[in-house]
N, C-alpha and C. Protein backbone atom coordinates (compact mmCIF):
# COMPACT_ATOMS: atom_id res chain seq x y z
N MET A 1 22.52 128.01 -1.75
CA MET A 1 21.21 128.54 -2.04
C MET A 1 20.37 127.43 -2.65
N GLY A 2 19.10 127.67 -2.74
CA GLY A 2 18.25 126.67 -3.36
C GLY A 2 16.80 127.11 -3.36
N ASN A 3 15.99 126.24 -3.92
CA ASN A 3 14.55 126.47 -3.92
C ASN A 3 13.83 125.13 -4.02
N MET A 4 12.59 125.15 -3.61
CA MET A 4 11.76 123.96 -3.66
C MET A 4 10.36 124.42 -4.05
N SER A 5 9.70 123.65 -4.92
CA SER A 5 8.33 124.01 -5.28
C SER A 5 7.43 122.81 -5.18
N TYR A 6 6.18 123.08 -4.84
CA TYR A 6 5.15 122.05 -4.79
C TYR A 6 4.08 122.45 -5.79
N ASN A 7 3.74 121.54 -6.68
CA ASN A 7 2.76 121.79 -7.73
C ASN A 7 1.69 120.71 -7.67
N ASN A 8 0.43 121.13 -7.74
CA ASN A 8 -0.66 120.17 -7.72
C ASN A 8 -1.83 120.77 -8.48
N VAL A 9 -2.69 119.90 -8.98
CA VAL A 9 -3.89 120.34 -9.67
C VAL A 9 -5.07 119.64 -9.03
N SER A 10 -6.18 120.35 -8.89
CA SER A 10 -7.37 119.73 -8.32
C SER A 10 -7.93 118.71 -9.29
N THR A 11 -8.37 117.58 -8.77
CA THR A 11 -8.93 116.52 -9.60
C THR A 11 -10.34 116.89 -10.03
N ASN A 12 -10.66 116.62 -11.27
CA ASN A 12 -12.00 116.85 -11.80
C ASN A 12 -12.87 115.69 -11.34
N ARG A 13 -13.86 115.95 -10.49
CA ARG A 13 -14.69 114.89 -9.92
C ARG A 13 -15.87 114.51 -10.81
N SER A 14 -16.18 115.32 -11.81
CA SER A 14 -17.31 115.00 -12.68
C SER A 14 -16.86 114.03 -13.78
N PRO A 15 -17.73 113.08 -14.14
CA PRO A 15 -17.36 112.10 -15.18
C PRO A 15 -17.43 112.72 -16.58
N ASP A 16 -16.30 113.06 -17.13
CA ASP A 16 -16.25 113.55 -18.51
C ASP A 16 -14.96 113.05 -19.15
N VAL A 17 -14.67 113.48 -20.33
CA VAL A 17 -13.50 113.00 -21.05
C VAL A 17 -12.31 113.94 -20.92
N PHE A 18 -12.43 114.94 -20.09
CA PHE A 18 -11.36 115.92 -19.94
C PHE A 18 -10.17 115.28 -19.22
N ILE A 19 -9.00 115.37 -19.82
CA ILE A 19 -7.76 114.90 -19.21
C ILE A 19 -6.91 116.13 -18.90
N THR A 20 -6.47 116.24 -17.67
CA THR A 20 -5.75 117.45 -17.26
C THR A 20 -4.40 117.61 -17.94
N VAL A 21 -3.71 116.53 -18.22
CA VAL A 21 -2.36 116.54 -18.79
C VAL A 21 -1.48 117.52 -18.00
N PHE A 22 -1.51 117.34 -16.69
CA PHE A 22 -0.69 118.15 -15.78
C PHE A 22 0.66 117.45 -15.62
N ASN A 23 1.51 117.56 -16.62
CA ASN A 23 2.76 116.82 -16.69
C ASN A 23 3.87 117.50 -15.90
N THR A 24 3.65 117.61 -14.60
CA THR A 24 4.61 118.27 -13.73
C THR A 24 4.73 117.48 -12.44
N PRO A 25 5.94 117.22 -11.98
CA PRO A 25 6.10 116.54 -10.69
C PRO A 25 5.55 117.41 -9.56
N ASN A 26 5.03 116.76 -8.51
CA ASN A 26 4.55 117.54 -7.37
C ASN A 26 5.69 118.30 -6.71
N TRP A 27 6.83 117.66 -6.52
CA TRP A 27 7.96 118.30 -5.84
C TRP A 27 9.14 118.46 -6.78
N ILE A 28 9.72 119.64 -6.80
CA ILE A 28 10.93 119.93 -7.56
C ILE A 28 11.88 120.69 -6.62
N THR A 29 13.12 120.24 -6.56
CA THR A 29 14.10 120.85 -5.66
C THR A 29 15.37 121.20 -6.43
N ASN A 30 15.92 122.37 -6.17
CA ASN A 30 17.18 122.82 -6.75
C ASN A 30 18.06 123.35 -5.63
N VAL A 31 19.29 122.86 -5.55
CA VAL A 31 20.27 123.37 -4.60
C VAL A 31 21.52 123.71 -5.41
N PHE A 32 22.02 124.93 -5.23
CA PHE A 32 23.17 125.33 -6.03
C PHE A 32 24.16 126.12 -5.19
N PHE A 33 25.41 126.06 -5.64
CA PHE A 33 26.50 126.73 -4.93
C PHE A 33 27.51 127.17 -5.98
N GLY A 34 28.02 128.35 -5.81
CA GLY A 34 29.02 128.82 -6.77
C GLY A 34 29.67 130.10 -6.32
N ASN A 35 30.65 130.50 -7.11
CA ASN A 35 31.35 131.73 -6.87
C ASN A 35 31.84 132.25 -8.21
N ARG A 36 31.43 133.44 -8.58
CA ARG A 36 31.79 134.01 -9.88
C ARG A 36 33.30 134.16 -10.04
N GLU A 37 33.99 134.43 -8.93
CA GLU A 37 35.44 134.59 -8.98
C GLU A 37 36.04 134.01 -7.70
N LEU A 38 36.20 132.69 -7.69
CA LEU A 38 36.76 131.99 -6.54
C LEU A 38 38.20 132.44 -6.29
N ILE A 39 38.97 132.43 -7.36
CA ILE A 39 40.29 133.05 -7.36
C ILE A 39 40.33 133.96 -8.59
N ARG A 40 41.37 134.73 -8.74
CA ARG A 40 41.41 135.71 -9.83
C ARG A 40 41.03 135.07 -11.18
N ASN A 41 39.97 135.59 -11.78
CA ASN A 41 39.47 135.23 -13.11
C ASN A 41 38.87 133.81 -13.21
N LEU A 42 38.79 133.07 -12.12
CA LEU A 42 38.28 131.71 -12.17
C LEU A 42 37.06 131.56 -11.26
N GLY A 43 35.97 131.07 -11.82
CA GLY A 43 34.74 130.87 -11.06
C GLY A 43 34.12 129.52 -11.36
N PHE A 44 33.06 129.20 -10.63
CA PHE A 44 32.39 127.92 -10.81
C PHE A 44 30.95 128.00 -10.34
N ASN A 45 30.17 127.00 -10.71
CA ASN A 45 28.82 126.85 -10.23
C ASN A 45 28.49 125.36 -10.28
N ILE A 46 27.83 124.86 -9.25
CA ILE A 46 27.38 123.47 -9.23
C ILE A 46 25.95 123.45 -8.72
N ALA A 47 25.12 122.62 -9.34
CA ALA A 47 23.71 122.55 -8.98
C ALA A 47 23.25 121.10 -8.91
N TRP A 48 22.47 120.80 -7.87
CA TRP A 48 21.83 119.50 -7.74
C TRP A 48 20.34 119.72 -7.92
N LYS A 49 19.73 118.93 -8.80
CA LYS A 49 18.30 119.07 -9.09
C LYS A 49 17.62 117.72 -8.88
N TRP A 50 16.47 117.74 -8.22
CA TRP A 50 15.70 116.53 -7.96
C TRP A 50 14.25 116.76 -8.33
N LYS A 51 13.65 115.77 -8.98
CA LYS A 51 12.23 115.84 -9.33
C LYS A 51 11.54 114.57 -8.87
N HIS A 52 10.40 114.74 -8.22
CA HIS A 52 9.59 113.65 -7.70
C HIS A 52 8.97 112.86 -8.86
N SER A 53 8.64 111.61 -8.63
CA SER A 53 7.98 110.82 -9.68
C SER A 53 6.59 111.42 -9.94
N PHE A 54 6.09 111.22 -11.15
CA PHE A 54 4.78 111.76 -11.50
C PHE A 54 4.16 110.99 -12.66
N GLN A 55 2.86 111.15 -12.82
CA GLN A 55 2.12 110.54 -13.91
C GLN A 55 2.20 111.46 -15.12
N ARG A 56 2.72 110.95 -16.23
CA ARG A 56 2.85 111.74 -17.46
C ARG A 56 1.79 111.26 -18.45
N GLU A 57 1.02 112.20 -18.99
CA GLU A 57 -0.03 111.89 -19.96
C GLU A 57 0.25 112.61 -21.26
N SER A 58 0.11 111.89 -22.37
CA SER A 58 0.28 112.51 -23.68
C SER A 58 -0.49 111.67 -24.70
N PRO A 59 -0.72 112.21 -25.89
CA PRO A 59 -1.40 111.43 -26.93
C PRO A 59 -0.61 110.17 -27.33
N LEU A 60 0.71 110.19 -27.16
CA LEU A 60 1.54 109.04 -27.53
C LEU A 60 1.47 107.93 -26.49
N ALA A 61 1.65 108.28 -25.22
CA ALA A 61 1.69 107.27 -24.16
C ALA A 61 1.48 107.92 -22.80
N ASN A 62 0.94 107.14 -21.88
CA ASN A 62 0.79 107.55 -20.49
C ASN A 62 1.64 106.63 -19.64
N GLY A 63 2.20 107.16 -18.56
CA GLY A 63 2.99 106.31 -17.68
C GLY A 63 3.56 107.09 -16.52
N VAL A 64 4.08 106.35 -15.57
CA VAL A 64 4.71 106.96 -14.40
C VAL A 64 6.18 107.22 -14.71
N ILE A 65 6.59 108.44 -14.50
CA ILE A 65 7.99 108.82 -14.67
C ILE A 65 8.65 108.73 -13.30
N PRO A 66 9.67 107.88 -13.14
CA PRO A 66 10.32 107.74 -11.83
C PRO A 66 11.02 109.03 -11.41
N ALA A 67 11.16 109.20 -10.10
CA ALA A 67 11.92 110.33 -9.57
C ALA A 67 13.37 110.23 -10.06
N TYR A 68 14.00 111.39 -10.23
CA TYR A 68 15.40 111.38 -10.66
C TYR A 68 16.10 112.63 -10.15
N HIS A 69 17.42 112.58 -10.17
CA HIS A 69 18.21 113.75 -9.78
C HIS A 69 19.39 113.87 -10.74
N THR A 70 19.87 115.10 -10.87
CA THR A 70 21.04 115.37 -11.71
C THR A 70 21.96 116.34 -10.99
N VAL A 71 23.22 116.32 -11.39
CA VAL A 71 24.19 117.30 -10.92
C VAL A 71 24.73 118.01 -12.15
N ASN A 72 24.62 119.33 -12.15
CA ASN A 72 25.13 120.15 -13.24
C ASN A 72 26.30 120.98 -12.70
N ALA A 73 27.30 121.20 -13.54
CA ALA A 73 28.47 121.97 -13.09
C ALA A 73 29.01 122.82 -14.23
N GLN A 74 29.66 123.91 -13.83
CA GLN A 74 30.24 124.82 -14.82
C GLN A 74 31.44 125.52 -14.21
N VAL A 75 32.49 125.66 -14.99
CA VAL A 75 33.70 126.39 -14.60
C VAL A 75 33.91 127.49 -15.63
N ASN A 76 34.23 128.69 -15.18
CA ASN A 76 34.48 129.77 -16.13
C ASN A 76 35.82 130.44 -15.83
N TYR A 77 36.46 130.88 -16.90
CA TYR A 77 37.75 131.57 -16.78
C TYR A 77 37.69 132.83 -17.63
N ARG A 78 37.95 133.97 -17.01
CA ARG A 78 37.97 135.24 -17.73
C ARG A 78 39.36 135.51 -18.28
N VAL A 79 39.42 135.79 -19.57
CA VAL A 79 40.67 136.19 -20.23
C VAL A 79 40.56 137.69 -20.41
N THR A 80 41.07 138.45 -19.45
CA THR A 80 40.86 139.89 -19.44
C THR A 80 41.48 140.59 -20.65
N GLU A 81 42.65 140.13 -21.10
CA GLU A 81 43.31 140.77 -22.25
C GLU A 81 42.45 140.66 -23.51
N ALA A 82 41.72 139.59 -23.66
CA ALA A 82 40.88 139.38 -24.85
C ALA A 82 39.44 139.80 -24.61
N LYS A 83 39.14 140.32 -23.42
CA LYS A 83 37.77 140.68 -23.04
C LYS A 83 36.83 139.50 -23.33
N ALA A 84 37.25 138.33 -22.85
CA ALA A 84 36.50 137.11 -23.14
C ALA A 84 36.37 136.25 -21.89
N THR A 85 35.37 135.37 -21.92
CA THR A 85 35.18 134.37 -20.88
C THR A 85 35.02 133.01 -21.54
N VAL A 86 35.74 132.04 -21.03
CA VAL A 86 35.64 130.66 -21.51
C VAL A 86 34.88 129.88 -20.44
N LYS A 87 33.84 129.15 -20.86
CA LYS A 87 33.05 128.37 -19.92
C LYS A 87 33.04 126.92 -20.35
N LEU A 88 33.25 126.03 -19.39
CA LEU A 88 33.17 124.59 -19.59
C LEU A 88 32.10 124.08 -18.65
N GLY A 89 31.08 123.43 -19.20
CA GLY A 89 29.97 123.02 -18.36
C GLY A 89 29.44 121.65 -18.73
N GLY A 90 28.65 121.13 -17.82
CA GLY A 90 28.02 119.85 -18.06
C GLY A 90 26.68 119.76 -17.35
N ILE A 91 25.71 119.19 -18.02
CA ILE A 91 24.40 118.92 -17.45
C ILE A 91 24.34 117.42 -17.18
N ASN A 92 23.94 117.05 -15.98
CA ASN A 92 23.89 115.64 -15.58
C ASN A 92 25.29 115.02 -15.70
N ILE A 93 26.25 115.62 -15.04
CA ILE A 93 27.66 115.25 -15.23
C ILE A 93 27.99 113.82 -14.81
N PHE A 94 27.16 113.21 -13.96
CA PHE A 94 27.41 111.82 -13.55
C PHE A 94 26.63 110.83 -14.42
N ASN A 95 26.01 111.33 -15.48
CA ASN A 95 25.27 110.51 -16.45
C ASN A 95 24.24 109.62 -15.78
N ASN A 96 23.50 110.19 -14.83
CA ASN A 96 22.41 109.50 -14.14
C ASN A 96 21.22 109.46 -15.10
N ARG A 97 21.13 108.45 -15.93
CA ARG A 97 20.16 108.38 -17.01
C ARG A 97 18.73 108.37 -16.48
N TYR A 98 17.87 109.16 -17.13
CA TYR A 98 16.48 109.26 -16.70
C TYR A 98 15.59 109.47 -17.91
N ILE A 99 14.28 109.37 -17.69
CA ILE A 99 13.31 109.67 -18.74
C ILE A 99 12.42 110.81 -18.27
N TRP A 100 11.93 111.59 -19.20
CA TRP A 100 11.07 112.71 -18.89
C TRP A 100 9.67 112.52 -19.48
N SER A 101 9.54 111.54 -20.37
CA SER A 101 8.27 111.32 -21.04
C SER A 101 8.06 109.83 -21.26
N ALA A 102 6.84 109.35 -21.01
CA ALA A 102 6.52 107.96 -21.30
C ALA A 102 6.72 107.72 -22.80
N ALA A 103 7.37 106.65 -23.14
CA ALA A 103 7.71 106.29 -24.53
C ALA A 103 8.75 107.23 -25.13
N GLY A 104 9.41 108.01 -24.29
CA GLY A 104 10.45 108.92 -24.77
C GLY A 104 11.83 108.34 -24.59
N PRO A 105 12.84 109.03 -25.05
CA PRO A 105 14.22 108.53 -24.95
C PRO A 105 14.78 108.68 -23.54
N THR A 106 15.82 107.93 -23.27
CA THR A 106 16.57 108.09 -22.03
C THR A 106 17.51 109.28 -22.21
N ILE A 107 17.57 110.10 -21.18
CA ILE A 107 18.39 111.31 -21.25
C ILE A 107 19.65 111.09 -20.44
N GLY A 108 20.79 111.44 -21.01
CA GLY A 108 22.07 111.28 -20.33
C GLY A 108 22.72 112.61 -20.07
N THR A 109 23.99 112.69 -20.31
CA THR A 109 24.76 113.91 -20.02
C THR A 109 24.91 114.78 -21.26
N LEU A 110 25.13 116.05 -21.04
CA LEU A 110 25.39 117.00 -22.12
C LEU A 110 26.49 117.92 -21.63
N ASN A 111 27.57 118.00 -22.39
CA ASN A 111 28.70 118.86 -22.03
C ASN A 111 28.89 119.93 -23.10
N ASP A 112 29.39 121.08 -22.67
CA ASP A 112 29.58 122.15 -23.64
C ASP A 112 30.75 123.04 -23.26
N VAL A 113 31.27 123.72 -24.27
CA VAL A 113 32.29 124.75 -24.09
C VAL A 113 31.77 125.98 -24.81
N SER A 114 31.88 127.12 -24.16
CA SER A 114 31.44 128.36 -24.82
C SER A 114 32.49 129.44 -24.64
N PHE A 115 32.52 130.35 -25.59
CA PHE A 115 33.40 131.51 -25.57
C PHE A 115 32.53 132.74 -25.68
N THR A 116 32.65 133.64 -24.74
CA THR A 116 31.87 134.88 -24.74
C THR A 116 32.83 136.05 -24.81
N PHE A 117 32.58 136.96 -25.76
CA PHE A 117 33.41 138.15 -25.90
C PHE A 117 32.58 139.36 -25.47
N ASN A 118 33.10 140.14 -24.53
CA ASN A 118 32.39 141.29 -23.98
C ASN A 118 33.14 142.57 -24.27
N GLY A 119 32.42 143.57 -24.74
CA GLY A 119 33.01 144.87 -24.91
C GLY A 119 33.93 145.04 -26.09
N LEU A 120 33.82 144.19 -27.10
CA LEU A 120 34.69 144.32 -28.27
C LEU A 120 34.42 145.60 -29.06
N LEU A 121 33.18 146.08 -29.00
CA LEU A 121 32.83 147.27 -29.77
C LEU A 121 32.94 148.56 -28.97
N ASN A 122 33.30 148.43 -27.69
CA ASN A 122 33.47 149.63 -26.86
C ASN A 122 34.83 150.27 -27.13
N LYS A 123 34.88 151.60 -27.02
CA LYS A 123 36.13 152.32 -27.23
C LYS A 123 36.98 152.28 -25.99
């Protein structure tokens, strides 16, 4: 599955000091694939995200943000006896470093583990 969006703003043709600050890439693409239960109690999800280069404007700095892509992934395991789900995930799992803001930091990978308990208060 996936989605793609195109975003654009009309240019102001009159000479004034108005800056649109339309800090959004023209093209954004998401492709994802997963299965909640690939085998008993085990599921996964993987997503590829791509953003077109764009002009970023802010009071701190203006500049062109290069196009970039990331791969995000998550694996989940249901522990039925404990009414719990354990999830292991990562954003930008290949550490494809990118920037989102002119004069901003380089963004790398983020990994997490979560535990979700469902139905503990049910009789």
